[in-house]
PDB file of N, CA and C in Angstrom:
ATOM      1  N   UNK A   1      11.548  30.338  -1.935  1.00  0.00           N
ATOM      2  CA  UNK A   1      12.345  29.185  -2.262  1.00  0.00           C
ATOM      3  C   UNK A   1      11.426  28.120  -2.879  1.00  0.00           C
ATOM      4  N   UNK A   2      11.880  27.519  -3.947  1.00  0.00           N
ATOM      5  CA  UNK A   2      11.065  26.525  -4.659  1.00  0.00           C
ATOM      6  C   UNK A   2      11.031  25.211  -3.899  1.00  0.00           C
ATOM      7  N   UNK A   3       9.893  24.524  -4.013  1.00  0.00           N
ATOM      8  CA  UNK A   3       9.753  23.198  -3.397  1.00  0.00           C
ATOM      9  C   UNK A   3      10.652  22.208  -4.129  1.00  0.00           C
ATOM     10  N   UNK A   4      11.269  21.276  -3.407  1.00  0.00           N
ATOM     11  CA  UNK A   4      12.034  20.227  -4.085  1.00  0.00           C
ATOM     12  C   UNK A   4      11.100  19.365  -4.934  1.00  0.00           C
ATOM     13  N   UNK A   5      11.595  18.914  -6.081  1.00  0.00           N
ATOM     14  CA  UNK A   5      10.808  18.066  -6.960  1.00  0.00           C
ATOM     15  C   UNK A   5      10.924  16.609  -6.529  1.00  0.00           C
ATOM     16  N   UNK A   6       9.893  15.858  -6.811  1.00  0.00           N
ATOM     17  CA  UNK A   6       9.872  14.445  -6.484  1.00  0.00           C
ATOM     18  C   UNK A   6      10.107  13.658  -7.762  1.00  0.00           C
ATOM     19  N   UNK A   7      11.059  12.753  -7.748  1.00  0.00           N
ATOM     20  CA  UNK A   7      11.338  11.913  -8.901  1.00  0.00           C
ATOM     21  C   UNK A   7      10.959  10.483  -8.562  1.00  0.00           C
ATOM     22  N   UNK A   8      10.020   9.936  -9.325  1.00  0.00           N
ATOM     23  CA  UNK A   8       9.591   8.562  -9.120  1.00  0.00           C
ATOM     24  C   UNK A   8      10.086   7.750 -10.306  1.00  0.00           C
ATOM     25  N   UNK A   9      10.994   6.824 -10.073  1.00  0.00           N
ATOM     26  CA  UNK A   9      11.605   6.070 -11.166  1.00  0.00           C
ATOM     27  C   UNK A   9      10.838   4.830 -11.564  1.00  0.00           C
ATOM     28  N   UNK A  10      10.057   4.280 -10.662  1.00  0.00           N
ATOM     29  CA  UNK A  10       9.273   3.088 -10.973  1.00  0.00           C
ATOM     30  C   UNK A  10       8.029   3.505 -11.750  1.00  0.00           C
ATOM     31  N   UNK A  11       7.828   2.914 -12.928  1.00  0.00           N
ATOM     32  CA  UNK A  11       6.659   3.250 -13.743  1.00  0.00           C
ATOM     33  C   UNK A  11       5.368   2.911 -13.001  1.00  0.00           C
ATOM     34  N   UNK A  12       5.361   1.782 -12.301  1.00  0.00           N
ATOM     35  CA  UNK A  12       4.169   1.377 -11.561  1.00  0.00           C
ATOM     36  C   UNK A  12       3.874   2.365 -10.433  1.00  0.00           C
ATOM     37  N   UNK A  13       4.892   2.760  -9.676  1.00  0.00           N
ATOM     38  CA  UNK A  13       4.700   3.711  -8.579  1.00  0.00           C
ATOM     39  C   UNK A  13       4.273   5.077  -9.117  1.00  0.00           C
ATOM     40  N   UNK A  14       4.850   5.485 -10.233  1.00  0.00           N
ATOM     41  CA  UNK A  14       4.510   6.772 -10.855  1.00  0.00           C
ATOM     42  C   UNK A  14       3.034   6.801 -11.246  1.00  0.00           C
ATOM     43  N   UNK A  15       2.583   5.751 -11.938  1.00  0.00           N
ATOM     44  CA  UNK A  15       1.184   5.697 -12.381  1.00  0.00           C
ATOM     45  C   UNK A  15       0.237   5.690 -11.192  1.00  0.00           C
ATOM     46  N   UNK A  16       0.563   4.889 -10.180  1.00  0.00           N
ATOM     47  CA  UNK A  16      -0.297   4.789  -9.008  1.00  0.00           C
ATOM     48  C   UNK A  16      -0.365   6.116  -8.255  1.00  0.00           C
ATOM     49  N   UNK A  17       0.780   6.756  -8.052  1.00  0.00           N
ATOM     50  CA  UNK A  17       0.812   8.041  -7.338  1.00  0.00           C
ATOM     51  C   UNK A  17       0.006   9.096  -8.086  1.00  0.00           C
ATOM     52  N   UNK A  18       0.143   9.148  -9.401  1.00  0.00           N
ATOM     53  CA  UNK A  18      -0.584  10.156 -10.181  1.00  0.00           C
ATOM     54  C   UNK A  18      -2.082   9.850 -10.249  1.00  0.00           C
ATOM     55  N   UNK A  19      -2.444   8.579 -10.326  1.00  0.00           N
ATOM     56  CA  UNK A  19      -3.854   8.211 -10.339  1.00  0.00           C
ATOM     57  C   UNK A  19      -4.511   8.578  -9.009  1.00  0.00           C
ATOM     58  N   UNK A  20      -3.831   8.260  -7.893  1.00  0.00           N
ATOM     59  CA  UNK A  20      -4.373   8.610  -6.579  1.00  0.00           C
ATOM     60  C   UNK A  20      -4.443  10.122  -6.396  1.00  0.00           C
ATOM     61  N   UNK A  21      -3.440  10.825  -6.899  1.00  0.00           N
ATOM     62  CA  UNK A  21      -3.420  12.284  -6.776  1.00  0.00           C
ATOM     63  C   UNK A  21      -4.603  12.903  -7.526  1.00  0.00           C
ATOM     64  N   UNK A  22      -4.869  12.440  -8.746  1.00  0.00           N
ATOM     65  CA  UNK A  22      -6.016  12.951  -9.515  1.00  0.00           C
ATOM     66  C   UNK A  22      -7.327  12.644  -8.799  1.00  0.00           C
ATOM     67  N   UNK A  23      -7.448  11.419  -8.288  1.00  0.00           N
ATOM     68  CA  UNK A  23      -8.681  11.008  -7.623  1.00  0.00           C
ATOM     69  C   UNK A  23      -8.945  11.833  -6.363  1.00  0.00           C
ATOM     70  N   UNK A  24      -7.879  12.109  -5.590  1.00  0.00           N
ATOM     71  CA  UNK A  24      -8.029  12.804  -4.312  1.00  0.00           C
ATOM     72  C   UNK A  24      -7.863  14.316  -4.419  1.00  0.00           C
ATOM     73  N   UNK A  25      -7.514  14.808  -5.611  1.00  0.00           N
ATOM     74  CA  UNK A  25      -7.319  16.248  -5.783  1.00  0.00           C
ATOM     75  C   UNK A  25      -6.098  16.757  -5.034  1.00  0.00           C
ATOM     76  N   UNK A  26      -5.049  15.962  -4.986  1.00  0.00           N
ATOM     77  CA  UNK A  26      -3.800  16.325  -4.304  1.00  0.00           C
ATOM     78  C   UNK A  26      -2.650  16.232  -5.287  1.00  0.00           C
ATOM     79  N   UNK A  27      -1.488  16.664  -4.860  1.00  0.00           N
ATOM     80  CA  UNK A  27      -0.305  16.503  -5.700  1.00  0.00           C
ATOM     81  C   UNK A  27       0.265  15.106  -5.494  1.00  0.00           C
ATOM     82  N   UNK A  28       0.986  14.618  -6.500  1.00  0.00           N
ATOM     83  CA  UNK A  28       1.597  13.295  -6.361  1.00  0.00           C
ATOM     84  C   UNK A  28       2.647  13.309  -5.253  1.00  0.00           C
ATOM     85  N   UNK A  29       3.317  14.441  -5.056  1.00  0.00           N
ATOM     86  CA  UNK A  29       4.304  14.549  -3.978  1.00  0.00           C
ATOM     87  C   UNK A  29       3.621  14.394  -2.616  1.00  0.00           C
ATOM     88  N   UNK A  30       2.416  14.955  -2.473  1.00  0.00           N
ATOM     89  CA  UNK A  30       1.672  14.824  -1.221  1.00  0.00           C
ATOM     90  C   UNK A  30       1.267  13.366  -0.994  1.00  0.00           C
ATOM     91  N   UNK A  31       0.814  12.703  -2.054  1.00  0.00           N
ATOM     92  CA  UNK A  31       0.426  11.298  -1.949  1.00  0.00           C
ATOM     93  C   UNK A  31       1.615  10.450  -1.509  1.00  0.00           C
ATOM     94  N   UNK A  32       2.752  10.644  -2.165  1.00  0.00           N
ATOM     95  CA  UNK A  32       3.949   9.866  -1.830  1.00  0.00           C
ATOM     96  C   UNK A  32       4.422  10.190  -0.419  1.00  0.00           C
ATOM     97  N   UNK A  33       4.388  11.454  -0.043  1.00  0.00           N
ATOM     98  CA  UNK A  33       4.800  11.852   1.305  1.00  0.00           C
ATOM     99  C   UNK A  33       3.934  11.220   2.380  1.00  0.00           C
ATOM    100  N   UNK A  34       2.619  11.205   2.154  1.00  0.00           N
ATOM    101  CA  UNK A  34       1.709  10.585   3.116  1.00  0.00           C
ATOM    102  C   UNK A  34       1.940   9.075   3.192  1.00  0.00           C
ATOM    103  N   UNK A  35       2.174   8.458   2.031  1.00  0.00           N
ATOM    104  CA  UNK A  35       2.415   7.008   2.006  1.00  0.00           C
ATOM    105  C   UNK A  35       3.694   6.668   2.757  1.00  0.00           C
ATOM    106  N   UNK A  36       4.730   7.452   2.567  1.00  0.00           N
ATOM    107  CA  UNK A  36       5.986   7.199   3.275  1.00  0.00           C
ATOM    108  C   UNK A  36       5.826   7.420   4.776  1.00  0.00           C
ATOM    109  N   UNK A  37       5.042   8.420   5.153  1.00  0.00           N
ATOM    110  CA  UNK A  37       4.777   8.652   6.573  1.00  0.00           C
ATOM    111  C   UNK A  37       4.028   7.476   7.198  1.00  0.00           C
ATOM    112  N   UNK A  38       3.028   6.950   6.465  1.00  0.00           N
ATOM    113  CA  UNK A  38       2.280   5.790   6.966  1.00  0.00           C
ATOM    114  C   UNK A  38       3.182   4.571   7.053  1.00  0.00           C
ATOM    115  N   UNK A  39       4.075   4.427   6.078  1.00  0.00           N
ATOM    116  CA  UNK A  39       5.016   3.300   6.092  1.00  0.00           C
ATOM    117  C   UNK A  39       5.938   3.396   7.300  1.00  0.00           C
ATOM    118  N   UNK A  40       6.426   4.580   7.581  1.00  0.00           N
ATOM    119  CA  UNK A  40       7.309   4.777   8.734  1.00  0.00           C
ATOM    120  C   UNK A  40       6.576   4.456  10.035  1.00  0.00           C
ATOM    121  N   UNK A  41       5.339   4.922  10.152  1.00  0.00           N
ATOM    122  CA  UNK A  41       4.557   4.644  11.359  1.00  0.00           C
ATOM    123  C   UNK A  41       4.283   3.154  11.507  1.00  0.00           C
ATOM    124  N   UNK A  42       4.006   2.483  10.393  1.00  0.00           N
ATOM    125  CA  UNK A  42       3.726   1.050  10.451  1.00  0.00           C
ATOM    126  C   UNK A  42       4.957   0.271  10.883  1.00  0.00           C
ATOM    127  N   UNK A  43       6.136   0.724  10.489  1.00  0.00           N
ATOM    128  CA  UNK A  43       7.365   0.026  10.870  1.00  0.00           C
ATOM    129  C   UNK A  43       7.656   0.197  12.354  1.00  0.00           C
ATOM    130  N   UNK A  44       7.152   1.262  12.955  1.00  0.00           N
ATOM    131  CA  UNK A  44       7.359   1.493  14.379  1.00  0.00           C
ATOM    132  C   UNK A  44       6.367   0.694  15.223  1.00  0.00           C
ATOM    133  N   UNK A  45       5.344   0.183  14.569  1.00  0.00           N
ATOM    134  CA  UNK A  45       4.279  -0.547  15.251  1.00  0.00           C
ATOM    135  C   UNK A  45       4.666  -2.026  15.380  1.00  0.00           C
ATOM    136  N   UNK A  46       4.324  -2.627  16.475  1.00  0.00           N
ATOM    137  CA  UNK A  46       4.613  -4.057  16.641  1.00  0.00           C
ATOM    138  C   UNK A  46       3.710  -4.859  15.707  1.00  0.00           C
ATOM    139  N   UNK A  47       4.152  -6.050  15.291  1.00  0.00           N
ATOM    140  CA  UNK A  47       3.304  -6.874  14.420  1.00  0.00           C
ATOM    141  C   UNK A  47       1.931  -7.170  15.026  1.00  0.00           C
ATOM    142  N   UNK A  48       1.882  -7.403  16.321  1.00  0.00           N
ATOM    143  CA  UNK A  48       0.596  -7.688  16.972  1.00  0.00           C
ATOM    144  C   UNK A  48      -0.333  -6.488  16.842  1.00  0.00           C
ATOM    145  N   UNK A  49       0.183  -5.302  17.118  1.00  0.00           N
ATOM    146  CA  UNK A  49      -0.626  -4.088  17.009  1.00  0.00           C
ATOM    147  C   UNK A  49      -1.063  -3.847  15.565  1.00  0.00           C
ATOM    148  N   UNK A  50      -0.179  -4.156  14.610  1.00  0.00           N
ATOM    149  CA  UNK A  50      -0.502  -3.984  13.194  1.00  0.00           C
ATOM    150  C   UNK A  50      -1.687  -4.856  12.795  1.00  0.00           C
ATOM    151  N   UNK A  51      -1.697  -6.108  13.236  1.00  0.00           N
ATOM    152  CA  UNK A  51      -2.773  -7.024  12.859  1.00  0.00           C
ATOM    153  C   UNK A  51      -4.063  -6.762  13.627  1.00  0.00           C
ATOM    154  N   UNK A  52      -3.977  -6.149  14.782  1.00  0.00           N
ATOM    155  CA  UNK A  52      -5.172  -5.839  15.565  1.00  0.00           C
ATOM    156  C   UNK A  52      -5.845  -4.563  15.060  1.00  0.00           C
ATOM    157  N   UNK A  53      -5.058  -3.636  14.522  1.00  0.00           N
ATOM    158  CA  UNK A  53      -5.590  -2.334  14.102  1.00  0.00           C
ATOM    159  C   UNK A  53      -6.734  -2.418  13.102  1.00  0.00           C
ATOM    160  N   UNK A  54      -6.669  -3.211  12.022  1.00  0.00           N
ATOM    161  CA  UNK A  54      -7.809  -3.243  11.087  1.00  0.00           C
ATOM    162  C   UNK A  54      -9.113  -3.667  11.742  1.00  0.00           C
ATOM    163  N   UNK A  55      -9.047  -4.594  12.675  1.00  0.00           N
ATOM    164  CA  UNK A  55     -10.252  -5.033  13.379  1.00  0.00           C
ATOM    165  C   UNK A  55     -10.819  -3.895  14.218  1.00  0.00           C
ATOM    166  N   UNK A  56      -9.943  -3.184  14.908  1.00  0.00           N
ATOM    167  CA  UNK A  56     -10.398  -2.077  15.748  1.00  0.00           C
ATOM    168  C   UNK A  56     -10.960  -0.929  14.915  1.00  0.00           C
ATOM    169  N   UNK A  57     -10.363  -0.657  13.751  1.00  0.00           N
ATOM    170  CA  UNK A  57     -10.811   0.458  12.921  1.00  0.00           C
ATOM    171  C   UNK A  57     -12.105   0.150  12.185  1.00  0.00           C
ATOM    172  N   UNK A  58     -12.272  -1.089  11.745  1.00  0.00           N
ATOM    173  CA  UNK A  58     -13.455  -1.417  10.945  1.00  0.00           C
ATOM    174  C   UNK A  58     -14.606  -1.954  11.786  1.00  0.00           C
ATOM    175  N   UNK A  59     -14.287  -2.461  12.956  1.00  0.00           N
ATOM    176  CA  UNK A  59     -15.320  -3.051  13.788  1.00  0.00           C
ATOM    177  C   UNK A  59     -15.679  -4.458  13.360  1.00  0.00           C
ATOM    178  N   UNK A  60     -15.022  -4.945  12.328  1.00  0.00           N
ATOM    179  CA  UNK A  60     -15.293  -6.304  11.838  1.00  0.00           C
ATOM    180  C   UNK A  60     -14.111  -7.193  12.183  1.00  0.00           C
ATOM    181  N   UNK A  61     -14.404  -8.443  12.437  1.00  0.00           N
ATOM    182  CA  UNK A  61     -13.345  -9.402  12.719  1.00  0.00           C
ATOM    183  C   UNK A  61     -12.778  -9.881  11.393  1.00  0.00           C
ATOM    184  N   UNK A  62     -11.503  -9.683  11.181  1.00  0.00           N
ATOM    185  CA  UNK A  62     -10.856 -10.037   9.923  1.00  0.00           C
ATOM    186  C   UNK A  62      -9.951 -11.233  10.148  1.00  0.00           C
ATOM    187  N   UNK A  63     -10.190 -12.287   9.438  1.00  0.00           N
ATOM    188  CA  UNK A  63      -9.358 -13.485   9.523  1.00  0.00           C
ATOM    189  C   UNK A  63      -8.327 -13.396   8.407  1.00  0.00           C
ATOM    190  N   UNK A  64      -7.105 -12.949   8.747  1.00  0.00           N
ATOM    191  CA  UNK A  64      -6.083 -12.713   7.735  1.00  0.00           C
ATOM    192  C   UNK A  64      -5.683 -13.977   7.002  1.00  0.00           C
ATOM    193  N   UNK A  65      -5.513 -15.079   7.706  1.00  0.00           N
ATOM    194  CA  UNK A  65      -5.127 -16.315   7.038  1.00  0.00           C
ATOM    195  C   UNK A  65      -6.166 -16.719   5.997  1.00  0.00           C
ATOM    196  N   UNK A  66      -7.427 -16.593   6.326  1.00  0.00           N
ATOM    197  CA  UNK A  66      -8.490 -16.951   5.381  1.00  0.00           C
ATOM    198  C   UNK A  66      -8.484 -16.005   4.183  1.00  0.00           C
ATOM    199  N   UNK A  67      -8.282 -14.716   4.429  1.00  0.00           N
ATOM    200  CA  UNK A  67      -8.251 -13.740   3.336  1.00  0.00           C
ATOM    201  C   UNK A  67      -7.075 -13.990   2.408  1.00  0.00           C
ATOM    202  N   UNK A  68      -5.940 -14.339   2.966  1.00  0.00           N
ATOM    203  CA  UNK A  68      -4.756 -14.620   2.153  1.00  0.00           C
ATOM    204  C   UNK A  68      -4.978 -15.878   1.329  1.00  0.00           C
ATOM    205  N   UNK A  69      -5.448 -16.941   1.954  1.00  0.00           N
ATOM    206  CA  UNK A  69      -5.682 -18.201   1.245  1.00  0.00           C
ATOM    207  C   UNK A  69      -6.738 -18.035   0.160  1.00  0.00           C
ATOM    208  N   UNK A  70      -7.746 -17.241   0.436  1.00  0.00           N
ATOM    209  CA  UNK A  70      -8.835 -17.025  -0.509  1.00  0.00           C
ATOM    210  C   UNK A  70      -8.347 -16.338  -1.781  1.00  0.00           C
ATOM    211  N   UNK A  71      -7.343 -15.481  -1.646  1.00  0.00           N
ATOM    212  CA  UNK A  71      -6.869 -14.696  -2.782  1.00  0.00           C
ATOM    213  C   UNK A  71      -5.599 -15.236  -3.413  1.00  0.00           C
ATOM    214  N   UNK A  72      -5.081 -16.345  -2.926  1.00  0.00           N
ATOM    215  CA  UNK A  72      -3.883 -16.921  -3.514  1.00  0.00           C
ATOM    216  C   UNK A  72      -4.222 -17.601  -4.831  1.00  0.00           C
ATOM    217  N   UNK A  73      -3.311 -17.463  -5.773  1.00  0.00           N
ATOM    218  CA  UNK A  73      -3.474 -18.128  -7.058  1.00  0.00           C
ATOM    219  C   UNK A  73      -2.343 -19.131  -7.208  1.00  0.00           C
ATOM    220  N   UNK A  74      -2.688 -20.319  -7.632  1.00  0.00           N
ATOM    221  CA  UNK A  74      -1.682 -21.361  -7.810  1.00  0.00           C
ATOM    222  C   UNK A  74      -1.010 -21.146  -9.162  1.00  0.00           C
ATOM    223  N   UNK A  75       0.309 -21.145  -9.148  1.00  0.00           N
ATOM    224  CA  UNK A  75       1.081 -21.023 -10.380  1.00  0.00           C
ATOM    225  C   UNK A  75       1.640 -22.394 -10.709  1.00  0.00           C
ATOM    226  N   UNK A  76       1.132 -22.986 -11.762  1.00  0.00           N
ATOM    227  CA  UNK A  76       1.569 -24.311 -12.170  1.00  0.00           C
ATOM    228  C   UNK A  76       2.813 -24.264 -13.042  1.00  0.00           C
ATOM    229  N   UNK A  77       3.335 -23.087 -13.304  1.00  0.00           N
ATOM    230  CA  UNK A  77       4.536 -22.946 -14.115  1.00  0.00           C
ATOM    231  C   UNK A  77       4.205 -23.030 -15.598  1.00  0.00           C
ATOM    232  N   UNK A  78       5.239 -22.985 -16.403  1.00  0.00           N
ATOM    233  CA  UNK A  78       5.065 -23.018 -17.854  1.00  0.00           C
ATOM    234  C   UNK A  78       4.983 -24.456 -18.350  1.00  0.00           C
ATOM    235  N   UNK A  79       4.166 -24.653 -19.348  1.00  0.00           N
ATOM    236  CA  UNK A  79       4.082 -25.958 -19.988  1.00  0.00           C
ATOM    237  C   UNK A  79       5.107 -25.975 -21.111  1.00  0.00           C
ATOM    238  N   UNK A  80       6.187 -26.697 -20.933  1.00  0.00           N
ATOM    239  CA  UNK A  80       7.288 -26.669 -21.885  1.00  0.00           C
ATOM    240  C   UNK A  80       7.206 -27.792 -22.918  1.00  0.00           C
ATOM    241  N   UNK A  81       6.108 -28.491 -22.954  1.00  0.00           N
ATOM    242  CA  UNK A  81       5.996 -29.602 -23.917  1.00  0.00           C
ATOM    243  C   UNK A  81       5.495 -29.136 -25.249  1.00  0.00           C
TER     244      UNK A  81
END
């Protein structure tokens, strides 16, 4: 029996899945399947556990508020004059 085909309609998601698949030597369907599995597991996790996990996995203390503020870009809008 043939494997079901995966259809990715978002151009951005398609490019990202195929780029990761080439880099990791996997199929794009495997990449998407793993990502969806991780997403499902993350949704089952409490927010507190989610924010504690990166610190436990990396061994480094991560200040999320500082990281977010550091990478924010101010959008001043369009100059219509």
